[in-house]
Amino acid sequence: MARTVVIGAGMGAMAAAARLAVAGHRVTVYERAGTHGGAVRRLERDGFGFDTGPGLLYLPAVWRDLFVKTGREPLEECVALTEVDPAVRHVFADGTSVRLPGGSRAGTVDALDAAIGAGAGERWSELLGRGRRTWEATRRPLLEEPLTAAGDRAPLGRDPYPAPRRGLLRRRAPFLSEVARSELRDPRLVALLESHALAHGLDPRRTPASAAVLPYLEQTFGTWYVGGGMRALADAVYERCLARGVEFRFGTAVSGITVEGGRATGVELADGRRAEADAVVCGIDPRPMYGGRASAADGGPGYAAGRLTVLLALRGARPEGTVHRTVVHTGGPGGTTRTVTVLRPGDPALVPDAEHESAVLSVAVPPHRAGAAGPPAGRTGAGGEDGGAVDWTAPGAAERAADEALAAADAAGLGLGGRVLWREVRTPADTERETGAPGGAVPAPALAGADGAFLRAANSTGTAGLYRVGGSAHPGGGLAHAGMSGALAAGLIVEGDDWRGSR
């Protein structure tokens, strides 16, 4: 029976652990924190409950596959999974509002035509058609095949987005903002497309046009909510690991990886002990173990941003007809937009009674660095001119940013500020403290194009027996991508480094 050590108990790491255990490995997970799930956490206070990490699920098929491959009970028997419809409400800077249905192309066209004007829906639909072609070109190499240390990255360095070649677009692959302005024209449609990059802390002016795949995936595969909050999914995966015999060692940090003869032979623990292994799976950002250094292969611009979340305990019942997710667009410097995402799940499990409501505001913000300057007022968004780090522990920094996010939500007509019983503000400094991620940064999903700058670290490494999973590894950040990274690393370990994914 092969011995496998997994570093970290995040979602990608647990996905790998469960699959390896089913394949006959003796798996031990070492986690520095006192619990599982990585950034997928829950805060409870006074009868209120909040997701402090991701609040919605995309591409649920990734997790369905994990549960099918590791046990008899399918995902839906372990968690309550519901598709969100309407999928989202967008409120633009000029006050225009539109609700987009889940999974209905025709419904989306009609909604955009009614809100923005005749032809808007068709232009958006045509762009998503090009997003579909991008997805078809990259789905297997970008999501279903492992990225190996010796693999050729060049094909994924080319942007497959089929942009019309005219004007400036003839000379080079376009950025997402150029595609938006060229193909969508209306500033509200531009903001709609750019919001999918901004949600991951990416600057649309520097993000490859292949990011158009993000709204295509959302419209095609839907947006899903896990009853009781996303922490319920983390709990279910943890329970599946336990059922398959995975052992967890919480409160046990790994300080290094032992290598002998060019092969990983185990890990060194922070208390000086060593744990031997035939294979090591690194499910954390590896940079802290190497003095914070990172090679070009360890990740590109998707590492730039963290998350500011504002957890709101609200008096009064959730108004009838409230949309689960609202994206508020605000103006930014240089013609850019910024977004505040407001989640109002209406889940009875998250409130003390029917006369209260919980809500979570989230904004992509610069990562944390002690001693760094804070952003000027009104400039807390990530990307572009605000890309530098912020000391989120500095007096007033977090509260000012939270005030701005809440003010933006209220300016869009959400009316939350006057109902607040209490709030808690969480910043990248909290993420760094809890998960160990440098700066509390949250990697974005991998994207094709830009000469590979938006790819994550390979699943296999230059060291035999050492593999990577999680948001820091291929295919990048997000729950679905993290889950797939676990499947890819497990496949390499079980089938060998020449394995290229299930057909």
Protein backbone atom coordinates (compact mmCIF):
# COMPACT_ATOMS: atom_id res chain seq x y z
CA MET A 1 0.00 0.00 0.00
CA ALA A 2 1.57 3.28 -1.14
CA ARG A 3 1.96 6.02 1.46
CA THR A 4 0.83 9.46 0.39
CA VAL A 5 1.17 12.68 2.37
CA VAL A 6 -1.12 15.58 1.48
CA ILE A 7 -0.15 19.07 2.64
CA GLY A 8 -3.25 21.09 3.52
CA ALA A 9 -6.92 20.19 3.89
CA GLY A 10 -8.33 22.58 1.29
CA MET A 11 -10.91 21.47 -1.26
CA GLY A 12 -8.43 20.41 -3.95
CA ALA A 13 -6.30 18.57 -1.41
CA MET A 14 -9.28 16.67 -0.01
CA ALA A 15 -10.46 15.83 -3.54
CA ALA A 16 -7.07 14.26 -4.24
CA ALA A 17 -6.98 12.50 -0.86
CA ALA A 18 -10.38 10.83 -1.35
CA ARG A 19 -9.52 9.62 -4.85
CA LEU A 20 -6.13 8.28 -3.78
CA ALA A 21 -7.63 6.46 -0.81
CA VAL A 22 -10.11 4.72 -3.10
CA ALA A 23 -7.17 3.70 -5.29
CA GLY A 24 -5.56 1.93 -2.33
CA HIS A 25 -3.18 4.56 -1.00
CA ARG A 26 -2.69 5.13 2.71
CA VAL A 27 -3.29 8.87 2.86
CA THR A 28 -2.41 11.27 5.68
CA VAL A 29 -3.35 14.95 5.48
CA TYR A 30 -1.37 17.53 7.47
CA GLU A 31 -3.18 20.84 8.02
CA ARG A 32 -1.76 23.84 9.88
CA ALA A 33 -5.22 25.10 10.88
CA GLY A 34 -7.65 23.41 13.19
CA THR A 35 -10.21 22.53 10.53
CA HIS A 36 -10.69 21.44 6.94
CA GLY A 37 -11.90 23.31 3.86
CA GLY A 38 -9.19 25.92 3.35
CA ALA A 39 -10.91 29.21 2.56
CA VAL A 40 -14.35 27.54 2.49
CA ARG A 41 -15.34 28.54 6.01
CA ARG A 42 -18.38 29.55 7.98
CA LEU A 43 -18.88 32.19 10.66
CA GLU A 44 -21.73 31.79 13.14
CA ARG A 45 -22.89 34.43 15.60
CA ASP A 46 -26.20 35.15 17.35
CA GLY A 47 -28.05 32.63 15.21
CA PHE A 48 -26.69 34.03 11.93
CA GLY A 49 -24.49 32.04 9.56
CA PHE A 50 -22.21 33.27 6.78
CA ASP A 51 -19.95 31.81 4.14
CA THR A 52 -16.64 33.64 4.54
CA GLY A 53 -15.27 32.20 1.30
CA PRO A 54 -17.08 31.38 -1.95
CA GLY A 55 -20.86 31.47 -1.62
CA LEU A 56 -21.92 29.91 -4.93
CA LEU A 57 -20.89 26.87 -6.94
CA TYR A 58 -20.17 26.67 -10.65
CA LEU A 59 -19.61 23.49 -12.70
CA PRO A 60 -21.08 21.20 -10.03
CA ALA A 61 -20.32 18.22 -12.29
CA VAL A 62 -16.76 18.29 -10.93
CA TRP A 63 -17.99 17.48 -7.42
CA ARG A 64 -20.64 15.08 -8.67
CA ASP A 65 -17.85 13.13 -10.34
CA LEU A 66 -15.85 13.03 -7.09
CA PHE A 67 -18.75 11.58 -5.14
CA VAL A 68 -19.55 9.02 -7.86
CA LYS A 69 -15.92 7.89 -8.01
CA THR A 70 -15.40 7.65 -4.24
CA GLY A 71 -18.60 6.10 -2.86
CA ARG A 72 -22.17 5.00 -3.30
CA GLU A 73 -23.89 8.20 -2.20
CA PRO A 74 -24.09 10.82 -4.96
CA LEU A 75 -23.48 14.49 -4.22
CA GLU A 76 -27.19 15.32 -4.00
CA GLU A 77 -27.64 12.80 -1.20
CA CYS A 78 -24.89 14.50 0.81
CA VAL A 79 -25.79 18.16 0.29
CA ALA A 80 -28.87 20.11 -0.78
CA LEU A 81 -27.94 21.53 -4.19
CA THR A 82 -30.24 24.09 -5.85
CA GLU A 83 -29.80 26.01 -9.08
CA VAL A 84 -30.11 29.76 -8.54
CA ASP A 85 -32.75 31.45 -10.71
CA PRO A 86 -32.63 34.30 -11.55
CA ALA A 87 -28.90 33.68 -11.75
CA VAL A 88 -27.99 37.30 -11.06
CA ARG A 89 -29.23 40.88 -11.04
CA HIS A 90 -26.88 43.53 -12.41
CA VAL A 91 -27.26 47.18 -11.40
CA PHE A 92 -25.16 49.43 -13.64
CA ALA A 93 -23.59 52.77 -12.81
CA ASP A 94 -26.35 54.69 -14.65
CA GLY A 95 -29.07 52.96 -12.62
CA THR A 96 -30.09 50.44 -15.29
CA SER A 97 -31.02 47.11 -13.74
CA VAL A 98 -31.40 43.69 -15.38
CA ARG A 99 -32.17 40.24 -14.04
CA LEU A 100 -30.58 37.41 -16.00
CA PRO A 101 -32.28 34.00 -15.85
CA GLY A 102 -30.34 30.84 -15.16
CA GLY A 103 -29.59 28.61 -18.12
CA SER A 104 -31.83 30.34 -20.68
CA ARG A 105 -30.16 31.94 -23.66
CA ALA A 106 -33.45 33.21 -25.05
CA GLY A 107 -34.46 34.57 -21.65
CA THR A 108 -31.15 36.40 -21.37
CA VAL A 109 -31.56 37.95 -24.83
CA ASP A 110 -35.06 39.16 -23.94
CA ALA A 111 -33.96 40.54 -20.57
CA LEU A 112 -31.05 42.51 -22.07
CA ASP A 113 -33.18 43.87 -24.91
CA ALA A 114 -35.80 45.06 -22.41
CA ALA A 115 -33.28 46.69 -20.08
CA ILE A 116 -30.70 48.08 -22.51
CA GLY A 117 -32.36 48.26 -25.90
CA ALA A 118 -33.12 46.24 -29.00
CA GLY A 119 -30.11 44.31 -30.27
CA ALA A 120 -28.28 44.26 -26.93
CA GLY A 121 -29.29 40.69 -26.23
CA GLU A 122 -28.17 39.46 -29.63
CA ARG A 123 -24.76 41.14 -29.34
CA TRP A 124 -24.28 39.51 -25.94
CA SER A 125 -25.44 36.15 -27.30
CA GLU A 126 -23.02 36.37 -30.23
CA LEU A 127 -20.15 37.10 -27.87
CA LEU A 128 -21.08 34.10 -25.71
CA GLY A 129 -21.12 32.04 -28.90
CA ARG A 130 -17.47 32.95 -29.34
CA GLY A 131 -16.99 32.10 -25.67
CA ARG A 132 -18.41 28.66 -26.45
CA ARG A 133 -15.88 28.18 -29.22
CA THR A 134 -13.15 29.19 -26.80
CA TRP A 135 -14.46 26.65 -24.27
CA GLU A 136 -14.51 23.89 -26.87
CA ALA A 137 -10.91 24.68 -27.85
CA THR A 138 -9.59 24.76 -24.30
CA ARG A 139 -11.86 22.56 -22.19
CA ARG A 140 -9.73 19.45 -22.35
CA PRO A 141 -6.20 20.93 -22.15
CA LEU A 142 -7.20 23.63 -19.67
CA LEU A 143 -9.49 21.69 -17.34
CA GLU A 144 -9.47 17.95 -18.01
CA GLU A 145 -5.79 17.25 -18.72
CA PRO A 146 -2.97 17.67 -16.20
CA LEU A 147 -0.30 20.27 -16.73
CA THR A 148 3.05 18.59 -16.19
CA ALA A 149 6.46 20.02 -15.46
CA ALA A 150 7.77 18.71 -18.78
CA GLY A 151 4.62 19.55 -20.71
CA ASP A 152 4.44 22.01 -23.58
CA ARG A 153 2.71 25.19 -22.42
CA ALA A 154 2.90 26.88 -25.81
CA PRO A 155 -0.55 25.75 -27.06
CA LEU A 156 -2.21 27.23 -23.96
CA GLY A 157 -0.20 30.40 -24.39
CA ARG A 158 -2.19 31.21 -27.52
CA ASP A 159 -5.58 32.86 -27.07
CA PRO A 160 -8.22 30.85 -28.95
CA TYR A 161 -10.91 33.53 -28.70
CA PRO A 162 -12.15 34.06 -32.29
CA ALA A 163 -12.09 37.85 -32.25
CA PRO A 164 -12.93 39.69 -35.46
CA ARG A 165 -9.60 40.86 -36.88
CA ARG A 166 -9.96 44.53 -37.53
CA GLY A 167 -8.12 47.67 -36.52
CA LEU A 168 -5.82 47.17 -33.57
CA LEU A 169 -7.04 43.60 -33.19
CA ARG A 170 -5.13 42.63 -36.33
CA ARG A 171 -1.71 43.08 -34.72
CA ARG A 172 -2.08 40.92 -31.61
CA ALA A 173 -4.52 38.92 -29.56
CA PRO A 174 -6.94 41.37 -27.92
CA PHE A 175 -7.52 41.94 -24.25
CA LEU A 176 -10.96 41.41 -22.76
CA SER A 177 -11.73 45.13 -22.49
CA GLU A 178 -10.94 45.63 -26.19
CA VAL A 179 -13.24 42.79 -27.15
CA ALA A 180 -15.96 44.23 -24.94
CA ARG A 181 -15.81 47.67 -26.51
CA SER A 182 -15.42 46.40 -30.06
CA GLU A 183 -18.13 43.75 -30.00
CA LEU A 184 -20.62 44.95 -27.38
CA ARG A 185 -20.35 48.73 -27.72
CA ASP A 186 -22.90 49.67 -25.07
CA PRO A 187 -21.06 50.59 -21.82
CA ARG A 188 -23.48 48.50 -19.76
CA LEU A 189 -22.77 45.38 -21.80
CA VAL A 190 -19.07 46.21 -21.53
CA ALA A 191 -19.42 46.39 -17.76
CA LEU A 192 -21.35 43.10 -17.77
CA LEU A 193 -18.52 41.27 -19.54
CA GLU A 194 -15.75 42.93 -17.55
CA SER A 195 -17.44 42.04 -14.28
CA HIS A 196 -16.59 38.38 -14.81
CA ALA A 197 -12.87 39.25 -14.77
CA LEU A 198 -13.23 41.78 -11.96
CA ALA A 199 -14.91 39.16 -9.77
CA HIS A 200 -11.60 37.27 -9.80
CA GLY A 201 -9.50 40.37 -9.21
CA LEU A 202 -8.33 40.50 -12.83
CA ASP A 203 -7.91 43.74 -14.76
CA PRO A 204 -9.95 43.44 -18.00
CA ARG A 205 -7.46 45.73 -19.72
CA ARG A 206 -4.72 43.13 -19.21
CA THR A 207 -6.76 39.92 -19.25
CA PRO A 208 -6.84 37.80 -22.43
CA ALA A 209 -10.07 37.72 -24.40
CA SER A 210 -10.35 34.01 -23.59
CA ALA A 211 -11.89 35.16 -20.29
CA ALA A 212 -15.12 35.38 -22.28
CA VAL A 213 -15.40 31.71 -21.40
CA LEU A 214 -16.35 32.71 -17.83
CA PRO A 215 -19.81 34.16 -18.60
CA TYR A 216 -20.37 31.35 -21.10
CA LEU A 217 -19.80 28.75 -18.36
CA GLU A 218 -22.11 30.55 -15.95
CA GLN A 219 -24.95 30.78 -18.46
CA THR A 220 -24.50 27.24 -19.79
CA PHE A 221 -23.91 25.24 -16.60
CA GLY A 222 -25.76 27.43 -14.14
CA THR A 223 -25.12 28.91 -10.73
CA TRP A 224 -25.74 26.65 -7.74
CA TYR A 225 -26.29 27.09 -4.02
CA VAL A 226 -25.55 24.54 -1.33
CA GLY A 227 -28.17 24.49 1.43
CA GLY A 228 -26.75 25.73 4.72
CA GLY A 229 -23.93 27.49 2.87
CA MET A 230 -20.87 26.34 0.99
CA ARG A 231 -19.29 25.04 4.18
CA ALA A 232 -21.73 22.12 3.88
CA LEU A 233 -19.91 21.03 0.73
CA ALA A 234 -16.55 21.17 2.51
CA ASP A 235 -18.03 19.09 5.35
CA ALA A 236 -19.39 16.52 2.90
CA VAL A 237 -16.02 16.14 1.16
CA TYR A 238 -14.29 15.81 4.54
CA GLU A 239 -16.76 13.12 5.61
CA ARG A 240 -16.18 11.28 2.33
CA CYS A 241 -12.42 11.34 3.01
CA LEU A 242 -12.95 9.90 6.50
CA ALA A 243 -15.22 7.19 5.12
CA ARG A 244 -12.48 6.16 2.68
CA GLY A 245 -9.89 5.94 5.47
CA VAL A 246 -8.02 9.23 5.02
CA GLU A 247 -6.28 10.35 8.22
CA PHE A 248 -6.16 14.05 9.17
CA ARG A 249 -3.60 15.74 11.41
CA PHE A 250 -4.94 19.19 12.25
CA GLY A 251 -2.83 21.86 13.92
CA THR A 252 0.24 20.35 12.24
CA ALA A 253 2.15 22.60 9.87
CA VAL A 254 4.55 21.33 7.22
CA SER A 255 7.79 23.30 7.03
CA GLY A 256 9.43 21.55 4.09
CA ILE A 257 9.53 18.62 1.68
CA THR A 258 12.27 16.02 2.01
CA VAL A 259 13.96 15.04 -1.25
CA GLU A 260 16.45 12.22 -1.73
CA GLY A 261 18.00 11.31 -5.06
CA GLY A 262 15.74 13.74 -6.89
CA ARG A 263 12.57 12.20 -5.43
CA ALA A 264 10.18 13.44 -2.74
CA THR A 265 10.37 11.05 0.22
CA GLY A 266 8.16 12.83 2.73
CA VAL A 267 7.73 16.07 4.63
CA GLU A 268 9.30 17.89 7.54
CA LEU A 269 6.86 19.11 10.16
CA ALA A 270 7.15 22.40 11.98
CA ASP A 271 7.79 20.58 15.28
CA GLY A 272 10.86 18.86 13.85
CA ARG A 273 9.33 15.49 13.09
CA ARG A 274 9.43 13.86 9.67
CA ALA A 275 6.75 11.89 7.88
CA GLU A 276 7.87 9.51 5.16
CA ALA A 277 5.89 9.00 1.98
CA ASP A 278 6.02 7.46 -1.48
CA ALA A 279 4.28 10.53 -2.89
CA VAL A 280 3.62 14.05 -1.63
CA VAL A 281 0.69 16.22 -2.72
CA CYS A 282 1.11 19.91 -1.98
CA GLY A 283 -2.32 21.46 -1.55
CA ILE A 284 -1.12 24.88 -0.35
CA ASP A 285 0.61 27.79 -2.00
CA PRO A 286 4.19 26.47 -1.91
CA ARG A 287 5.89 29.86 -1.74
CA PRO A 288 6.05 30.16 2.06
CA MET A 289 8.18 27.00 2.21
CA TYR A 290 10.71 28.62 -0.11
CA GLY A 291 11.08 32.02 1.48
CA GLY A 292 8.20 33.51 -0.50
CA ARG A 293 9.99 33.04 -3.81
CA ALA A 294 8.09 31.93 -6.86
CA SER A 295 9.20 31.01 -10.35
CA ALA A 296 7.33 32.06 -13.47
CA ALA A 297 5.71 28.63 -13.44
CA ASP A 298 4.23 29.21 -10.00
CA GLY A 299 1.46 31.46 -11.25
CA GLY A 300 0.79 34.67 -13.08
CA PRO A 301 -1.46 37.70 -12.60
CA GLY A 302 -4.24 35.70 -10.98
CA TYR A 303 -2.33 35.95 -7.72
CA ALA A 304 -2.81 39.71 -7.54
CA ALA A 305 -6.06 40.04 -5.62
CA GLY A 306 -7.56 39.20 -2.26
CA ARG A 307 -11.15 39.44 -1.02
CA LEU A 308 -12.84 41.88 1.29
CA THR A 309 -16.09 40.47 2.65
CA VAL A 310 -18.64 42.29 4.76
CA LEU A 311 -20.95 40.00 6.74
CA LEU A 312 -24.25 41.72 7.53
CA ALA A 313 -26.76 40.65 10.17
CA LEU A 314 -29.94 42.44 9.14
CA ARG A 315 -33.15 43.20 11.04
CA GLY A 316 -36.36 42.57 9.15
CA ALA A 317 -37.42 39.74 6.87
CA ARG A 318 -35.88 39.25 3.46
CA PRO A 319 -38.11 41.18 1.03
CA GLU A 320 -40.17 39.01 -1.28
CA GLY A 321 -38.64 38.76 -4.75
CA THR A 322 -35.08 39.48 -3.54
CA VAL A 323 -32.49 38.05 -5.93
CA HIS A 324 -29.89 35.72 -4.46
CA ARG A 325 -26.96 37.52 -6.13
CA THR A 326 -26.72 41.17 -7.14
CA VAL A 327 -23.69 42.67 -8.85
CA VAL A 328 -23.39 46.42 -8.36
CA HIS A 329 -21.29 48.25 -10.95
CA THR A 330 -19.63 51.51 -9.99
CA GLY A 331 -17.43 53.88 -11.96
CA GLY A 332 -13.66 53.66 -11.70
CA PRO A 333 -10.58 55.54 -12.94
CA GLY A 334 -9.67 55.47 -16.61
CA GLY A 335 -13.12 54.34 -17.70
CA THR A 336 -12.91 51.07 -15.78
CA THR A 337 -15.70 49.73 -13.61
CA ARG A 338 -15.66 48.19 -10.18
CA THR A 339 -18.08 45.68 -8.75
CA VAL A 340 -19.57 44.81 -5.40
CA THR A 341 -21.21 41.38 -5.23
CA VAL A 342 -24.09 41.04 -2.78
CA LEU A 343 -25.28 37.56 -1.78
CA ARG A 344 -28.66 37.28 -0.05
CA PRO A 345 -29.41 33.55 -0.02
CA GLY A 346 -32.68 33.56 1.92
CA ASP A 347 -31.69 30.29 3.59
CA PRO A 348 -33.56 29.70 6.89
CA ALA A 349 -30.50 27.86 8.20
CA LEU A 350 -28.51 31.11 8.15
CA VAL A 351 -30.81 33.31 10.28
CA PRO A 352 -32.22 33.06 13.81
CA ASP A 353 -35.81 33.46 12.57
CA ALA A 354 -37.94 34.69 9.69
CA GLU A 355 -37.70 38.30 10.90
CA HIS A 356 -34.00 38.55 10.09
CA GLU A 357 -31.82 38.30 7.01
CA SER A 358 -28.14 37.61 6.38
CA ALA A 359 -26.15 39.12 3.51
CA VAL A 360 -22.55 39.02 2.35
CA LEU A 361 -20.86 41.79 0.35
CA SER A 362 -17.62 40.92 -1.42
CA VAL A 363 -15.10 43.00 -3.34
CA ALA A 364 -11.83 42.02 -4.99
CA VAL A 365 -9.12 44.09 -3.30
CA PRO A 366 -5.31 44.29 -3.22
CA PRO A 367 -3.56 41.63 -1.13
CA HIS A 368 -2.25 42.23 2.38
CA ARG A 369 1.27 43.28 3.25
CA ALA A 370 2.17 44.60 6.68
CA GLY A 371 3.42 48.18 6.49
CA ALA A 372 2.04 48.89 3.02
CA ALA A 373 0.02 52.04 2.42
CA GLY A 374 -3.76 51.94 2.30
CA PRO A 375 -5.66 52.87 -0.88
CA PRO A 376 -7.17 56.34 -1.19
CA ALA A 377 -10.86 56.68 -0.39
CA GLY A 378 -13.00 55.19 -3.13
CA ARG A 379 -10.11 53.18 -4.53
CA THR A 380 -10.29 49.82 -2.76
CA GLY A 381 -10.84 47.68 -5.85
CA ALA A 382 -8.24 45.31 -7.23
CA GLY A 383 -6.57 45.54 -10.59
CA GLY A 384 -5.26 48.38 -12.72
CA GLU A 385 -4.05 51.40 -10.81
CA ASP A 386 -4.92 49.87 -7.43
CA GLY A 387 -2.78 46.78 -7.86
CA GLY A 388 -0.36 47.38 -4.96
CA ALA A 389 -0.63 45.64 -1.62
CA VAL A 390 -2.43 47.17 1.37
CA ASP A 391 -1.84 46.80 5.08
CA TRP A 392 -5.32 45.63 5.96
CA THR A 393 -4.50 45.66 9.66
CA ALA A 394 -3.84 49.42 9.60
CA PRO A 395 -6.33 51.41 11.71
CA GLY A 396 -9.49 52.13 9.76
CA ALA A 397 -8.43 50.45 6.48
CA ALA A 398 -10.91 47.59 6.64
CA GLU A 399 -13.81 49.68 7.97
CA ARG A 400 -13.38 52.36 5.30
CA ALA A 401 -13.43 49.74 2.57
CA ALA A 402 -16.50 48.10 4.12
CA ASP A 403 -18.26 51.47 4.31
CA GLU A 404 -17.58 52.04 0.60
CA ALA A 405 -18.95 48.62 -0.35
CA LEU A 406 -22.11 49.12 1.72
CA ALA A 407 -22.60 52.62 0.35
CA ALA A 408 -22.35 51.28 -3.21
CA ALA A 409 -24.96 48.64 -2.45
CA ASP A 410 -27.32 51.20 -0.96
CA ALA A 411 -26.78 53.61 -3.84
CA ALA A 412 -28.00 50.80 -6.08
CA GLY A 413 -31.22 50.67 -4.08
CA LEU A 414 -30.59 47.58 -1.95
CA GLY A 415 -31.41 49.41 1.28
CA LEU A 416 -29.18 47.37 3.58
CA GLY A 417 -27.42 50.05 5.61
CA GLY A 418 -30.44 51.06 7.69
CA ARG A 419 -31.18 47.46 8.64
CA VAL A 420 -27.76 46.46 10.00
CA LEU A 421 -27.81 44.93 13.47
CA TRP A 422 -24.09 44.25 13.33
CA ARG A 423 -21.43 43.48 10.78
CA GLU A 424 -18.09 41.75 10.60
CA VAL A 425 -15.42 42.71 8.10
CA ARG A 426 -12.93 40.18 6.81
CA THR A 427 -9.89 41.13 4.76
CA PRO A 428 -6.97 39.45 2.99
CA ALA A 429 -5.09 39.69 6.29
CA ASP A 430 -7.66 37.32 7.80
CA THR A 431 -7.35 34.99 4.82
CA GLU A 432 -3.57 34.94 5.16
CA ARG A 433 -3.78 34.22 8.90
CA GLU A 434 -6.29 31.40 8.52
CA THR A 435 -5.03 29.67 5.36
CA GLY A 436 -1.39 30.70 5.07
CA ALA A 437 -1.89 32.03 1.53
CA PRO A 438 0.68 34.81 1.00
CA GLY A 439 -1.08 38.16 1.22
CA GLY A 440 -4.41 36.39 1.45
CA ALA A 441 -4.41 36.27 -2.34
CA VAL A 442 -7.10 34.24 -4.11
CA PRO A 443 -5.92 32.75 -7.44
CA ALA A 444 -8.16 33.13 -10.46
CA PRO A 445 -9.03 30.25 -12.79
CA ALA A 446 -6.39 29.53 -15.41
CA LEU A 447 -6.92 31.20 -18.78
CA ALA A 448 -5.43 30.50 -22.18
CA GLY A 449 -3.46 33.20 -23.96
CA ALA A 450 -0.97 35.91 -22.94
CA ASP A 451 1.91 33.49 -23.56
CA GLY A 452 0.84 31.39 -20.60
CA ALA A 453 0.93 34.21 -18.04
CA PHE A 454 -2.50 33.22 -16.71
CA LEU A 455 -1.67 29.56 -16.18
CA ARG A 456 -1.04 28.11 -12.74
CA ALA A 457 1.75 25.87 -11.54
CA ALA A 458 1.95 22.40 -13.08
CA ASN A 459 0.33 19.46 -11.30
CA SER A 460 3.57 17.50 -11.50
CA THR A 461 6.88 19.09 -10.60
CA GLY A 462 10.53 18.72 -11.50
CA THR A 463 10.83 16.50 -8.42
CA ALA A 464 9.62 12.92 -8.85
CA GLY A 465 6.80 12.01 -6.50
CA LEU A 466 5.82 15.62 -5.76
CA TYR A 467 2.50 16.99 -7.06
CA ARG A 468 0.43 20.16 -6.70
CA VAL A 469 -3.30 20.71 -6.23
CA GLY A 470 -5.58 23.58 -5.21
CA GLY A 471 -5.95 27.12 -6.47
CA SER A 472 -2.19 27.57 -6.75
CA ALA A 473 -2.01 24.68 -9.20
CA HIS A 474 -3.45 23.94 -12.63
CA PRO A 475 -6.25 24.64 -13.52
CA GLY A 476 -6.38 27.46 -10.98
CA GLY A 477 -8.75 29.05 -8.50
CA GLY A 478 -12.42 28.48 -7.83
CA LEU A 479 -14.15 25.48 -6.29
CA ALA A 480 -14.66 23.61 -9.55
CA HIS A 481 -11.08 24.15 -10.70
CA ALA A 482 -9.68 23.17 -7.32
CA GLY A 483 -11.71 19.97 -7.38
CA MET A 484 -10.44 19.17 -10.84
CA SER A 485 -6.84 19.74 -9.73
CA GLY A 486 -7.35 16.99 -7.17
CA ALA A 487 -8.58 14.64 -9.88
CA LEU A 488 -5.64 15.48 -12.14
CA ALA A 489 -2.97 15.00 -9.47
CA ALA A 490 -4.55 11.74 -8.30
CA GLY A 491 -4.59 10.49 -11.89
CA LEU A 492 -0.90 11.25 -12.32
CA ILE A 493 -0.01 9.43 -9.11
CA VAL A 494 -2.13 6.36 -9.82
CA GLU A 495 -1.60 6.07 -13.58
CA GLY A 496 1.87 7.58 -13.98
CA ASP A 497 3.24 10.90 -15.20
CA ASP A 498 2.38 10.12 -18.82
CA TRP A 499 -1.36 10.01 -17.99
CA ARG A 500 -3.34 12.65 -19.87
CA GLY A 501 -6.76 12.49 -18.27
CA SER A 502 -9.85 10.32 -18.57
CA ARG A 503 -11.29 10.02 -22.02
